[in-house]
Amino acid sequence: MRDQVIKLQEKWIAAEYINYQQTQEEQEEIFEKLVTGKVKILYISPERIDNDMWRENFKKINISFIVVDEAHCISVRWHDFRPHYRRIVEIVKLLPDNTPVLAVTATATKDVEEDIKKQLWEDKVTSVRGSLMRKNLKLSVQRCNSFEEKFLWLGNNVNNFKGNGIIYTWTVKDTMIYSKWLNYIWIPSVYYNGRMKGEEKQIIEKWLMNNEWK
């Protein structure tokens, strides 16, 4: 969110974000700008909308458009992963019926897509599904029967790929497990997840930008 807001502000677009790293005073200042119409675009995580300040100011904000990223988390099949996404549904239903809402995701099956429709709009929706294929991506499947087999495959094959790589895992804990395993077998690796502090994330982001990792 921070990077996107900086780029928008560089283009003279009044954008702000709210996250857990900000002080109470900083958030109050942003909410004041929202209420007075001085903010055009606000980035906020679902976890941030479950506090007293948001609830007090929500009805005062003139919301003309809502975008829900990672919208598959709205589905009942996914909401345990990010439970606060369910609060977005409550907000949408408080808005006037003609308020446009865009929900985007790259990981929704057909069943999850239908469930998102049901949760947000029921029959008032237009669905657009694009292709998964990209010119700069290649997709393949390597079947493994256990975590141990995955670790062995990674250890034997990671160094055969050119450039840097990203391993997406199912849980926060797994990001640490995979990273520690790769470092143990002398393959440079760092983990990155939503429970890390802002300072830790900034250090890793600097490594990423400077290609100081595998």
N, C-alpha and C. Protein backbone atom coordinates (compact mmCIF):
# COMPACT_ATOMS: atom_id res chain seq x y z
N MET A 1 0.83 -1.21 0.00
CA MET A 1 0.00 0.00 0.00
C MET A 1 0.86 1.26 0.00
N ARG A 2 1.92 1.22 0.81
CA ARG A 2 2.78 2.40 0.92
C ARG A 2 3.37 2.78 -0.44
N ASP A 3 3.89 1.80 -1.15
CA ASP A 3 4.52 2.07 -2.45
C ASP A 3 3.52 2.62 -3.46
N GLN A 4 2.31 2.07 -3.47
CA GLN A 4 1.29 2.54 -4.41
C GLN A 4 0.86 3.97 -4.10
N VAL A 5 0.75 4.29 -2.82
CA VAL A 5 0.36 5.64 -2.43
C VAL A 5 1.45 6.64 -2.81
N ILE A 6 2.70 6.27 -2.61
CA ILE A 6 3.81 7.17 -2.97
C ILE A 6 3.78 7.47 -4.47
N LYS A 7 3.57 6.45 -5.29
CA LYS A 7 3.53 6.64 -6.74
C LYS A 7 2.35 7.54 -7.15
N LEU A 8 1.19 7.36 -6.49
CA LEU A 8 0.03 8.20 -6.79
C LEU A 8 0.28 9.65 -6.38
N GLN A 9 0.88 9.84 -5.22
CA GLN A 9 1.16 11.19 -4.75
C GLN A 9 2.16 11.90 -5.66
N GLU A 10 3.09 11.13 -6.22
CA GLU A 10 4.05 11.72 -7.17
C GLU A 10 3.35 12.23 -8.42
N LYS A 11 2.17 11.66 -8.72
CA LYS A 11 1.37 12.12 -9.86
C LYS A 11 0.31 13.13 -9.43
N TRP A 12 0.45 13.67 -8.24
CA TRP A 12 -0.45 14.69 -7.69
C TRP A 12 -1.88 14.16 -7.50
N ILE A 13 -1.98 12.87 -7.17
CA ILE A 13 -3.28 12.28 -6.82
C ILE A 13 -3.35 12.16 -5.31
N ALA A 14 -4.40 12.71 -4.71
CA ALA A 14 -4.53 12.74 -3.25
C ALA A 14 -4.86 11.35 -2.72
N ALA A 15 -3.83 10.58 -2.38
CA ALA A 15 -4.00 9.20 -1.91
C ALA A 15 -3.38 9.05 -0.52
N GLU A 16 -3.98 8.19 0.28
CA GLU A 16 -3.47 7.88 1.61
C GLU A 16 -3.68 6.40 1.89
N TYR A 17 -2.99 5.91 2.92
CA TYR A 17 -3.21 4.53 3.36
C TYR A 17 -3.28 4.50 4.88
N ILE A 18 -3.94 3.50 5.40
CA ILE A 18 -4.03 3.30 6.85
C ILE A 18 -3.54 1.90 7.16
N ASN A 19 -2.55 1.80 8.05
CA ASN A 19 -2.09 0.48 8.47
C ASN A 19 -1.68 0.50 9.93
N TYR A 20 -1.24 -0.65 10.43
CA TYR A 20 -0.97 -0.82 11.85
C TYR A 20 0.29 -0.07 12.30
N GLN A 21 1.12 0.36 11.35
CA GLN A 21 2.37 1.03 11.74
C GLN A 21 2.15 2.49 12.13
N GLN A 22 1.01 3.04 11.78
CA GLN A 22 0.76 4.45 12.05
C GLN A 22 0.31 4.69 13.49
N THR A 23 0.61 5.88 13.98
CA THR A 23 0.15 6.26 15.31
C THR A 23 -1.33 6.64 15.27
N GLN A 24 -1.93 6.74 16.43
CA GLN A 24 -3.32 7.16 16.55
C GLN A 24 -3.51 8.54 15.93
N GLU A 25 -2.55 9.43 16.18
CA GLU A 25 -2.64 10.80 15.67
C GLU A 25 -2.59 10.82 14.13
N GLU A 26 -1.73 9.99 13.55
CA GLU A 26 -1.61 9.93 12.09
C GLU A 26 -2.90 9.45 11.46
N GLN A 27 -3.51 8.43 12.05
CA GLN A 27 -4.76 7.90 11.52
C GLN A 27 -5.89 8.92 11.66
N GLU A 28 -5.93 9.62 12.79
CA GLU A 28 -6.97 10.64 12.98
C GLU A 28 -6.84 11.74 11.93
N GLU A 29 -5.62 12.12 11.60
CA GLU A 29 -5.40 13.15 10.59
C GLU A 29 -5.90 12.69 9.22
N ILE A 30 -5.66 11.42 8.88
CA ILE A 30 -6.12 10.88 7.59
C ILE A 30 -7.64 10.82 7.56
N PHE A 31 -8.26 10.39 8.65
CA PHE A 31 -9.72 10.34 8.70
C PHE A 31 -10.33 11.74 8.54
N GLU A 32 -9.68 12.73 9.11
CA GLU A 32 -10.16 14.11 8.97
C GLU A 32 -10.12 14.53 7.50
N LYS A 33 -9.07 14.16 6.81
CA LYS A 33 -8.96 14.46 5.38
C LYS A 33 -10.05 13.74 4.59
N LEU A 34 -10.34 12.50 5.01
CA LEU A 34 -11.39 11.72 4.33
C LEU A 34 -12.75 12.40 4.48
N VAL A 35 -13.07 12.77 5.71
CA VAL A 35 -14.37 13.36 5.99
C VAL A 35 -14.56 14.68 5.25
N THR A 36 -13.47 15.45 5.12
CA THR A 36 -13.54 16.76 4.46
C THR A 36 -13.30 16.68 2.96
N GLY A 37 -13.16 15.47 2.43
CA GLY A 37 -13.03 15.29 0.99
C GLY A 37 -11.66 15.62 0.42
N LYS A 38 -10.63 15.64 1.25
CA LYS A 38 -9.28 15.97 0.79
C LYS A 38 -8.50 14.74 0.33
N VAL A 39 -9.09 13.56 0.47
CA VAL A 39 -8.45 12.32 0.03
C VAL A 39 -9.28 11.71 -1.10
N LYS A 40 -8.64 11.46 -2.23
CA LYS A 40 -9.33 10.88 -3.38
C LYS A 40 -9.36 9.36 -3.32
N ILE A 41 -8.25 8.76 -2.90
CA ILE A 41 -8.13 7.30 -2.84
C ILE A 41 -7.56 6.90 -1.49
N LEU A 42 -8.20 5.94 -0.84
CA LEU A 42 -7.71 5.42 0.43
C LEU A 42 -7.43 3.92 0.30
N TYR A 43 -6.23 3.52 0.71
CA TYR A 43 -5.88 2.11 0.81
C TYR A 43 -6.00 1.70 2.27
N ILE A 44 -6.73 0.62 2.52
CA ILE A 44 -6.91 0.17 3.90
C ILE A 44 -7.11 -1.35 3.90
N SER A 45 -6.48 -2.03 4.84
CA SER A 45 -6.65 -3.47 4.94
C SER A 45 -7.93 -3.79 5.70
N PRO A 46 -8.51 -4.96 5.46
CA PRO A 46 -9.76 -5.32 6.17
C PRO A 46 -9.60 -5.30 7.68
N GLU A 47 -8.41 -5.63 8.18
CA GLU A 47 -8.19 -5.64 9.62
C GLU A 47 -8.32 -4.25 10.24
N ARG A 48 -8.03 -3.21 9.46
CA ARG A 48 -8.07 -1.83 9.98
C ARG A 48 -9.50 -1.30 10.11
N ILE A 49 -10.46 -1.92 9.39
CA ILE A 49 -11.83 -1.39 9.44
C ILE A 49 -12.61 -1.94 10.63
N ASP A 50 -11.96 -2.73 11.45
CA ASP A 50 -12.64 -3.29 12.62
C ASP A 50 -12.19 -2.56 13.89
N ASN A 51 -12.17 -1.23 13.81
CA ASN A 51 -11.82 -0.45 15.01
C ASN A 51 -12.81 0.69 15.20
N ASP A 52 -12.78 1.27 16.38
CA ASP A 52 -13.76 2.30 16.74
C ASP A 52 -13.67 3.53 15.83
N MET A 53 -12.43 3.93 15.47
CA MET A 53 -12.26 5.12 14.66
C MET A 53 -12.92 4.97 13.30
N TRP A 54 -12.76 3.79 12.68
CA TRP A 54 -13.38 3.55 11.37
C TRP A 54 -14.90 3.56 11.50
N ARG A 55 -15.42 2.89 12.51
CA ARG A 55 -16.87 2.81 12.68
C ARG A 55 -17.48 4.18 12.92
N GLU A 56 -16.76 5.03 13.64
CA GLU A 56 -17.28 6.37 13.94
C GLU A 56 -17.30 7.26 12.70
N ASN A 57 -16.34 7.08 11.82
CA ASN A 57 -16.19 7.98 10.68
C ASN A 57 -16.77 7.44 9.37
N PHE A 58 -17.08 6.16 9.33
CA PHE A 58 -17.50 5.55 8.08
C PHE A 58 -18.69 6.26 7.43
N LYS A 59 -19.72 6.53 8.22
CA LYS A 59 -20.94 7.13 7.67
C LYS A 59 -20.73 8.60 7.26
N LYS A 60 -19.63 9.21 7.71
CA LYS A 60 -19.35 10.60 7.35
C LYS A 60 -18.59 10.70 6.03
N ILE A 61 -18.04 9.58 5.56
CA ILE A 61 -17.20 9.59 4.36
C ILE A 61 -18.07 9.41 3.12
N ASN A 62 -17.82 10.23 2.13
CA ASN A 62 -18.55 10.13 0.87
C ASN A 62 -17.86 9.10 -0.03
N ILE A 63 -18.31 7.85 0.04
CA ILE A 63 -17.69 6.76 -0.72
C ILE A 63 -18.39 6.63 -2.07
N SER A 64 -17.62 6.78 -3.14
CA SER A 64 -18.20 6.69 -4.48
C SER A 64 -17.81 5.41 -5.21
N PHE A 65 -16.83 4.68 -4.67
CA PHE A 65 -16.37 3.47 -5.36
C PHE A 65 -15.56 2.62 -4.39
N ILE A 66 -15.76 1.32 -4.42
CA ILE A 66 -15.00 0.39 -3.57
C ILE A 66 -14.33 -0.66 -4.44
N VAL A 67 -13.06 -0.91 -4.18
CA VAL A 67 -12.32 -1.99 -4.85
C VAL A 67 -11.88 -2.99 -3.78
N VAL A 68 -12.19 -4.25 -3.99
CA VAL A 68 -11.80 -5.31 -3.07
C VAL A 68 -10.74 -6.18 -3.75
N ASP A 69 -9.50 -6.07 -3.29
CA ASP A 69 -8.44 -6.91 -3.82
C ASP A 69 -8.43 -8.24 -3.05
N GLU A 70 -7.89 -9.27 -3.69
CA GLU A 70 -7.88 -10.62 -3.09
C GLU A 70 -9.30 -11.02 -2.66
N ALA A 71 -10.24 -10.80 -3.56
CA ALA A 71 -11.65 -10.94 -3.22
C ALA A 71 -12.06 -12.38 -2.90
N HIS A 72 -11.23 -13.36 -3.23
CA HIS A 72 -11.58 -14.74 -2.89
C HIS A 72 -11.70 -14.92 -1.37
N CYS A 73 -11.06 -14.02 -0.59
CA CYS A 73 -11.14 -14.13 0.87
C CYS A 73 -12.54 -13.81 1.39
N ILE A 74 -13.39 -13.21 0.55
CA ILE A 74 -14.77 -12.96 0.94
C ILE A 74 -15.56 -14.26 1.00
N SER A 75 -15.18 -15.21 0.18
CA SER A 75 -15.92 -16.46 0.09
C SER A 75 -15.89 -17.24 1.40
N VAL A 76 -16.96 -17.97 1.67
CA VAL A 76 -17.01 -18.79 2.88
C VAL A 76 -15.96 -19.89 2.83
N ARG A 77 -15.45 -20.19 1.64
CA ARG A 77 -14.41 -21.22 1.51
C ARG A 77 -13.04 -20.70 1.93
N TRP A 78 -12.89 -19.37 1.97
CA TRP A 78 -11.58 -18.77 2.24
C TRP A 78 -11.55 -17.87 3.45
N HIS A 79 -12.69 -17.49 4.02
CA HIS A 79 -12.70 -16.38 4.98
C HIS A 79 -11.95 -16.69 6.27
N ASP A 80 -11.68 -17.97 6.58
CA ASP A 80 -10.89 -18.28 7.76
C ASP A 80 -9.45 -17.79 7.63
N PHE A 81 -8.99 -17.66 6.39
CA PHE A 81 -7.63 -17.19 6.13
C PHE A 81 -7.47 -15.71 6.49
N ARG A 82 -8.42 -14.89 6.10
CA ARG A 82 -8.45 -13.47 6.46
C ARG A 82 -9.88 -13.15 6.91
N PRO A 83 -10.23 -13.48 8.15
CA PRO A 83 -11.63 -13.37 8.60
C PRO A 83 -12.22 -11.97 8.49
N HIS A 84 -11.39 -10.93 8.55
CA HIS A 84 -11.92 -9.57 8.50
C HIS A 84 -12.46 -9.20 7.12
N TYR A 85 -12.15 -10.01 6.11
CA TYR A 85 -12.74 -9.75 4.80
C TYR A 85 -14.26 -9.83 4.85
N ARG A 86 -14.79 -10.57 5.80
CA ARG A 86 -16.24 -10.68 5.93
C ARG A 86 -16.86 -9.34 6.32
N ARG A 87 -16.08 -8.47 6.97
CA ARG A 87 -16.59 -7.15 7.35
C ARG A 87 -16.81 -6.27 6.12
N ILE A 88 -16.05 -6.54 5.05
CA ILE A 88 -16.24 -5.77 3.82
C ILE A 88 -17.65 -5.96 3.29
N VAL A 89 -18.16 -7.18 3.39
CA VAL A 89 -19.52 -7.47 2.95
C VAL A 89 -20.51 -6.59 3.71
N GLU A 90 -20.31 -6.44 5.02
CA GLU A 90 -21.20 -5.62 5.84
C GLU A 90 -21.16 -4.16 5.39
N ILE A 91 -19.96 -3.67 5.05
CA ILE A 91 -19.82 -2.28 4.61
C ILE A 91 -20.54 -2.06 3.29
N VAL A 92 -20.34 -2.98 2.35
CA VAL A 92 -20.97 -2.86 1.03
C VAL A 92 -22.49 -2.79 1.17
N LYS A 93 -23.05 -3.57 2.08
CA LYS A 93 -24.50 -3.61 2.24
C LYS A 93 -25.04 -2.35 2.92
N LEU A 94 -24.17 -1.56 3.53
CA LEU A 94 -24.59 -0.30 4.14
C LEU A 94 -24.61 0.85 3.14
N LEU A 95 -23.97 0.65 1.98
CA LEU A 95 -23.88 1.70 0.98
C LEU A 95 -25.14 1.75 0.12
N PRO A 96 -25.40 2.86 -0.54
CA PRO A 96 -26.53 2.93 -1.47
C PRO A 96 -26.43 1.86 -2.55
N ASP A 97 -27.55 1.38 -3.04
CA ASP A 97 -27.56 0.27 -4.00
C ASP A 97 -26.80 0.56 -5.28
N ASN A 98 -26.69 1.84 -5.66
CA ASN A 98 -26.04 2.18 -6.91
C ASN A 98 -24.54 2.44 -6.75
N THR A 99 -23.97 2.17 -5.58
CA THR A 99 -22.53 2.36 -5.37
C THR A 99 -21.76 1.26 -6.09
N PRO A 100 -20.88 1.60 -7.04
CA PRO A 100 -20.14 0.56 -7.77
C PRO A 100 -19.10 -0.11 -6.88
N VAL A 101 -18.98 -1.42 -7.03
CA VAL A 101 -18.00 -2.22 -6.29
C VAL A 101 -17.28 -3.13 -7.27
N LEU A 102 -15.96 -3.12 -7.24
CA LEU A 102 -15.15 -3.99 -8.08
C LEU A 102 -14.40 -4.97 -7.20
N ALA A 103 -14.61 -6.26 -7.42
CA ALA A 103 -13.90 -7.30 -6.67
C ALA A 103 -12.97 -8.05 -7.63
N VAL A 104 -11.69 -8.10 -7.29
CA VAL A 104 -10.72 -8.73 -8.19
C VAL A 104 -9.94 -9.81 -7.45
N THR A 105 -9.63 -10.88 -8.15
CA THR A 105 -8.84 -11.97 -7.60
C THR A 105 -8.26 -12.80 -8.73
N ALA A 106 -7.12 -13.39 -8.47
CA ALA A 106 -6.49 -14.26 -9.47
C ALA A 106 -6.56 -15.72 -9.07
N THR A 107 -7.24 -16.01 -7.97
CA THR A 107 -7.21 -17.38 -7.44
C THR A 107 -8.60 -17.94 -7.15
N ALA A 108 -9.61 -17.50 -7.83
CA ALA A 108 -10.96 -17.97 -7.56
C ALA A 108 -11.37 -19.07 -8.54
N THR A 109 -11.76 -20.21 -8.00
CA THR A 109 -12.38 -21.23 -8.83
C THR A 109 -13.78 -20.78 -9.20
N LYS A 110 -14.44 -21.53 -10.05
CA LYS A 110 -15.80 -21.16 -10.44
C LYS A 110 -16.74 -21.15 -9.24
N ASP A 111 -16.59 -22.12 -8.35
CA ASP A 111 -17.44 -22.16 -7.15
C ASP A 111 -17.21 -20.94 -6.26
N VAL A 112 -15.93 -20.56 -6.10
CA VAL A 112 -15.62 -19.40 -5.27
C VAL A 112 -16.15 -18.12 -5.93
N GLU A 113 -16.03 -18.04 -7.26
CA GLU A 113 -16.57 -16.89 -7.99
C GLU A 113 -18.07 -16.73 -7.73
N GLU A 114 -18.79 -17.84 -7.81
CA GLU A 114 -20.23 -17.79 -7.57
C GLU A 114 -20.54 -17.40 -6.14
N ASP A 115 -19.72 -17.84 -5.21
CA ASP A 115 -19.93 -17.51 -3.81
C ASP A 115 -19.66 -16.03 -3.55
N ILE A 116 -18.65 -15.45 -4.21
CA ILE A 116 -18.37 -14.02 -4.08
C ILE A 116 -19.58 -13.21 -4.55
N LYS A 117 -20.14 -13.61 -5.68
CA LYS A 117 -21.34 -12.93 -6.20
C LYS A 117 -22.46 -12.98 -5.16
N LYS A 118 -22.66 -14.15 -4.60
CA LYS A 118 -23.76 -14.32 -3.64
C LYS A 118 -23.54 -13.47 -2.40
N GLN A 119 -22.29 -13.40 -1.92
CA GLN A 119 -22.00 -12.65 -0.70
C GLN A 119 -22.16 -11.15 -0.90
N LEU A 120 -21.74 -10.64 -2.07
CA LEU A 120 -21.72 -9.20 -2.27
C LEU A 120 -22.98 -8.64 -2.93
N TRP A 121 -23.37 -9.22 -4.07
CA TRP A 121 -24.41 -8.57 -4.87
C TRP A 121 -25.58 -9.46 -5.22
N GLU A 122 -25.45 -10.75 -5.00
CA GLU A 122 -26.44 -11.71 -5.46
C GLU A 122 -26.55 -11.64 -6.98
N ASP A 123 -27.64 -11.11 -7.55
CA ASP A 123 -27.79 -11.13 -9.01
C ASP A 123 -27.36 -9.82 -9.67
N LYS A 124 -26.90 -8.83 -8.88
CA LYS A 124 -26.52 -7.53 -9.45
C LYS A 124 -25.02 -7.50 -9.72
N VAL A 125 -24.57 -8.30 -10.69
CA VAL A 125 -23.13 -8.40 -10.91
C VAL A 125 -22.82 -8.75 -12.37
N THR A 126 -21.70 -8.21 -12.85
CA THR A 126 -21.16 -8.61 -14.13
C THR A 126 -19.82 -9.27 -13.87
N SER A 127 -19.64 -10.49 -14.33
CA SER A 127 -18.42 -11.24 -14.07
C SER A 127 -17.53 -11.25 -15.32
N VAL A 128 -16.26 -10.93 -15.12
CA VAL A 128 -15.28 -10.95 -16.22
C VAL A 128 -14.13 -11.86 -15.81
N ARG A 129 -13.90 -12.90 -16.59
CA ARG A 129 -12.83 -13.86 -16.28
C ARG A 129 -11.80 -13.84 -17.40
N GLY A 130 -10.54 -13.56 -17.06
CA GLY A 130 -9.47 -13.51 -18.05
C GLY A 130 -8.66 -14.79 -18.07
N SER A 131 -7.71 -14.83 -18.96
CA SER A 131 -6.85 -16.01 -19.10
C SER A 131 -5.75 -16.00 -18.04
N LEU A 132 -5.35 -17.18 -17.60
CA LEU A 132 -4.25 -17.31 -16.65
C LEU A 132 -2.89 -17.18 -17.33
N MET A 133 -2.87 -17.33 -18.63
CA MET A 133 -1.60 -17.37 -19.35
C MET A 133 -1.00 -15.98 -19.52
N ARG A 134 0.31 -15.88 -19.30
CA ARG A 134 1.06 -14.65 -19.49
C ARG A 134 2.32 -14.98 -20.28
N LYS A 135 2.75 -14.05 -21.13
CA LYS A 135 3.93 -14.29 -21.96
C LYS A 135 5.18 -14.50 -21.12
N ASN A 136 5.23 -13.88 -19.95
CA ASN A 136 6.43 -13.98 -19.12
C ASN A 136 6.32 -15.06 -18.05
N LEU A 137 5.28 -15.90 -18.12
CA LEU A 137 5.11 -16.98 -17.15
C LEU A 137 4.96 -18.33 -17.82
N LYS A 138 5.49 -19.36 -17.18
CA LYS A 138 5.28 -20.73 -17.61
C LYS A 138 4.74 -21.52 -16.44
N LEU A 139 3.71 -22.29 -16.69
CA LEU A 139 3.07 -23.07 -15.63
C LEU A 139 3.34 -24.55 -15.81
N SER A 140 3.66 -25.21 -14.72
CA SER A 140 3.85 -26.67 -14.75
C SER A 140 3.52 -27.21 -13.36
N VAL A 141 3.37 -28.51 -13.25
CA VAL A 141 3.00 -29.14 -11.98
C VAL A 141 4.03 -30.21 -11.62
N GLN A 142 4.51 -30.15 -10.39
CA GLN A 142 5.40 -31.19 -9.87
C GLN A 142 4.69 -31.84 -8.69
N ARG A 143 4.28 -33.05 -8.84
CA ARG A 143 3.52 -33.73 -7.79
C ARG A 143 4.46 -34.26 -6.69
N CYS A 144 4.12 -33.92 -5.45
CA CYS A 144 4.88 -34.40 -4.29
C CYS A 144 3.90 -34.99 -3.28
N ASN A 145 4.31 -36.04 -2.63
CA ASN A 145 3.41 -36.75 -1.71
C ASN A 145 3.56 -36.33 -0.26
N SER A 146 4.55 -35.47 0.04
CA SER A 146 4.77 -35.06 1.43
C SER A 146 5.61 -33.80 1.46
N PHE A 147 5.66 -33.17 2.64
CA PHE A 147 6.52 -32.00 2.81
C PHE A 147 7.97 -32.37 2.58
N GLU A 148 8.36 -33.55 3.07
CA GLU A 148 9.75 -33.98 2.91
C GLU A 148 10.12 -34.07 1.44
N GLU A 149 9.19 -34.61 0.63
CA GLU A 149 9.45 -34.74 -0.79
C GLU A 149 9.55 -33.37 -1.46
N LYS A 150 8.75 -32.41 -1.01
CA LYS A 150 8.84 -31.05 -1.53
C LYS A 150 10.21 -30.45 -1.22
N PHE A 151 10.67 -30.63 0.03
CA PHE A 151 11.96 -30.08 0.42
C PHE A 151 13.09 -30.67 -0.42
N LEU A 152 13.04 -31.97 -0.65
CA LEU A 152 14.06 -32.63 -1.45
C LEU A 152 14.05 -32.12 -2.89
N TRP A 153 12.85 -31.95 -3.44
CA TRP A 153 12.75 -31.46 -4.82
C TRP A 153 13.32 -30.05 -4.93
N LEU A 154 12.96 -29.19 -3.99
CA LEU A 154 13.48 -27.83 -4.01
C LEU A 154 15.00 -27.82 -3.88
N GLY A 155 15.51 -28.61 -2.93
CA GLY A 155 16.95 -28.65 -2.73
C GLY A 155 17.71 -29.12 -3.95
N ASN A 156 17.12 -30.03 -4.71
CA ASN A 156 17.78 -30.58 -5.89
C ASN A 156 17.61 -29.73 -7.14
N ASN A 157 16.63 -28.81 -7.14
CA ASN A 157 16.30 -28.13 -8.38
C ASN A 157 16.38 -26.60 -8.36
N VAL A 158 16.30 -25.97 -7.19
CA VAL A 158 16.26 -24.50 -7.14
C VAL A 158 17.45 -23.88 -7.85
N ASN A 159 18.63 -24.41 -7.63
CA ASN A 159 19.83 -23.82 -8.23
C ASN A 159 19.89 -24.00 -9.74
N ASN A 160 19.00 -24.80 -10.30
CA ASN A 160 18.99 -24.99 -11.76
C ASN A 160 18.22 -23.89 -12.47
N PHE A 161 17.45 -23.09 -11.72
CA PHE A 161 16.66 -22.02 -12.33
C PHE A 161 17.46 -20.72 -12.35
N LYS A 162 17.32 -19.96 -13.42
CA LYS A 162 18.01 -18.68 -13.55
C LYS A 162 17.27 -17.60 -12.76
N GLY A 163 18.01 -16.65 -12.25
CA GLY A 163 17.39 -15.52 -11.57
C GLY A 163 16.90 -15.85 -10.17
N ASN A 164 16.05 -14.97 -9.65
CA ASN A 164 15.49 -15.12 -8.31
C ASN A 164 14.15 -15.85 -8.37
N GLY A 165 13.70 -16.34 -7.23
CA GLY A 165 12.42 -17.06 -7.19
C GLY A 165 11.61 -16.69 -5.96
N ILE A 166 10.32 -16.92 -6.05
CA ILE A 166 9.40 -16.70 -4.94
C ILE A 166 8.65 -17.99 -4.68
N ILE A 167 8.63 -18.42 -3.43
CA ILE A 167 7.87 -19.61 -3.02
C ILE A 167 6.67 -19.14 -2.21
N TYR A 168 5.47 -19.35 -2.72
CA TYR A 168 4.24 -19.01 -1.99
C TYR A 168 3.86 -20.21 -1.13
N THR A 169 3.56 -19.97 0.14
CA THR A 169 3.20 -21.05 1.05
C THR A 169 1.78 -20.85 1.57
N TRP A 170 1.26 -21.88 2.20
CA TRP A 170 -0.12 -21.86 2.67
C TRP A 170 -0.29 -21.07 3.96
N THR A 171 0.73 -21.08 4.83
CA THR A 171 0.62 -20.41 6.13
C THR A 171 1.84 -19.55 6.40
N VAL A 172 1.71 -18.66 7.38
CA VAL A 172 2.83 -17.83 7.82
C VAL A 172 3.97 -18.71 8.32
N LYS A 173 3.63 -19.73 9.09
CA LYS A 173 4.65 -20.63 9.63
C LYS A 173 5.45 -21.30 8.53
N ASP A 174 4.77 -21.67 7.45
CA ASP A 174 5.47 -22.34 6.35
C ASP A 174 6.50 -21.45 5.67
N THR A 175 6.24 -20.12 5.65
CA THR A 175 7.24 -19.24 5.03
C THR A 175 8.57 -19.37 5.76
N MET A 176 8.51 -19.48 7.08
CA MET A 176 9.73 -19.61 7.88
C MET A 176 10.37 -20.98 7.72
N ILE A 177 9.53 -22.02 7.66
CA ILE A 177 10.05 -23.38 7.54
C ILE A 177 10.81 -23.56 6.23
N TYR A 178 10.19 -23.13 5.13
CA TYR A 178 10.84 -23.28 3.83
C TYR A 178 12.14 -22.47 3.76
N SER A 179 12.09 -21.24 4.27
CA SER A 179 13.28 -20.39 4.22
C SER A 179 14.43 -20.98 5.03
N LYS A 180 14.13 -21.47 6.23
CA LYS A 180 15.17 -22.05 7.07
C LYS A 180 15.75 -23.31 6.43
N TRP A 181 14.90 -24.09 5.77
CA TRP A 181 15.38 -25.29 5.09
C TRP A 181 16.34 -24.93 3.97
N LEU A 182 15.99 -23.96 3.15
CA LEU A 182 16.85 -23.56 2.04
C LEU A 182 18.18 -23.00 2.54
N ASN A 183 18.12 -22.18 3.59
CA ASN A 183 19.37 -21.67 4.15
C ASN A 183 20.23 -22.78 4.73
N TYR A 184 19.61 -23.78 5.29
CA TYR A 184 20.33 -24.92 5.88
C TYR A 184 21.13 -25.67 4.82
N ILE A 185 20.60 -25.74 3.59
CA ILE A 185 21.31 -26.43 2.52
C ILE A 185 22.07 -25.44 1.62
N TRP A 186 22.36 -24.25 2.17
CA TRP A 186 23.22 -23.25 1.54
C TRP A 186 22.61 -22.64 0.29
N ILE A 187 21.28 -22.48 0.30
CA ILE A 187 20.60 -21.73 -0.75
C ILE A 187 20.05 -20.46 -0.08
N PRO A 188 20.64 -19.27 -0.38
CA PRO A 188 20.25 -18.02 0.30
C PRO A 188 18.75 -17.76 0.17
N SER A 189 18.10 -17.51 1.30
CA SER A 189 16.64 -17.33 1.29
C SER A 189 16.22 -16.45 2.46
N VAL A 190 15.15 -15.67 2.26
CA VAL A 190 14.53 -14.92 3.35
C VAL A 190 13.03 -15.17 3.31
N TYR A 191 12.38 -15.08 4.46
CA TYR A 191 10.92 -15.23 4.48
C TYR A 191 10.28 -13.87 4.67
N TYR A 192 9.03 -13.77 4.20
CA TYR A 192 8.30 -12.50 4.20
C TYR A 192 6.84 -12.83 4.41
N ASN A 193 6.24 -12.28 5.48
CA ASN A 193 4.83 -12.58 5.74
C ASN A 193 4.16 -11.44 6.48
N GLY A 194 2.85 -11.53 6.63
CA GLY A 194 2.05 -10.46 7.17
C GLY A 194 2.22 -10.20 8.65
N ARG A 195 2.90 -11.08 9.36
CA ARG A 195 3.09 -10.88 10.80
C ARG A 195 4.41 -10.21 11.15
N MET A 196 5.19 -9.90 10.13
CA MET A 196 6.48 -9.26 10.38
C MET A 196 6.28 -7.76 10.66
N LYS A 197 7.21 -7.17 11.40
CA LYS A 197 7.17 -5.75 11.69
C LYS A 197 7.58 -4.95 10.47
N GLY A 198 7.17 -3.70 10.44
CA GLY A 198 7.46 -2.85 9.29
C GLY A 198 8.94 -2.72 9.00
N GLU A 199 9.77 -2.62 10.07
CA GLU A 199 11.21 -2.47 9.88
C GLU A 199 11.80 -3.72 9.22
N GLU A 200 11.32 -4.89 9.64
CA GLU A 200 11.80 -6.14 9.06
C GLU A 200 11.44 -6.23 7.58
N LYS A 201 10.21 -5.83 7.24
CA LYS A 201 9.78 -5.86 5.84
C LYS A 201 10.62 -4.92 4.99
N GLN A 202 10.93 -3.75 5.53
CA GLN A 202 11.71 -2.78 4.77
C GLN A 202 13.10 -3.29 4.46
N ILE A 203 13.72 -4.02 5.40
CA ILE A 203 15.05 -4.60 5.17
C ILE A 203 14.99 -5.61 4.04
N ILE A 204 13.97 -6.48 4.07
CA ILE A 204 13.84 -7.51 3.04
C ILE A 204 13.53 -6.88 1.69
N GLU A 205 12.68 -5.86 1.68
CA GLU A 205 12.36 -5.18 0.42
C GLU A 205 13.62 -4.56 -0.19
N LYS A 206 14.52 -4.05 0.66
CA LYS A 206 15.78 -3.51 0.16
C LYS A 206 16.62 -4.61 -0.46
N TRP A 207 16.68 -5.78 0.18
CA TRP A 207 17.40 -6.92 -0.38
C TRP A 207 16.82 -7.30 -1.74
N LEU A 208 15.49 -7.31 -1.82
CA LEU A 208 14.84 -7.69 -3.07
C LEU A 208 15.24 -6.72 -4.19
N MET A 209 15.21 -5.42 -3.91
CA MET A 209 15.52 -4.43 -4.90
C MET A 209 16.97 -4.54 -5.38
N ASN A 210 17.88 -4.93 -4.47
CA ASN A 210 19.31 -5.01 -4.79
C ASN A 210 19.75 -6.41 -5.23
N ASN A 211 18.75 -7.33 -5.38
CA ASN A 211 19.05 -8.70 -5.79
C ASN A 211 20.09 -9.37 -4.90
N GLU A 212 19.99 -9.15 -3.59
CA GLU A 212 20.94 -9.72 -2.64
C GLU A 212 20.45 -11.04 -2.05
N TRP A 213 19.66 -11.76 -2.81
CA TRP A 213 19.11 -13.04 -2.35
C TRP A 213 18.92 -13.95 -3.54
N LYS A 214 18.60 -15.20 -3.27
CA LYS A 214 18.37 -16.18 -4.34
C LYS A 214 16.89 -16.28 -4.66
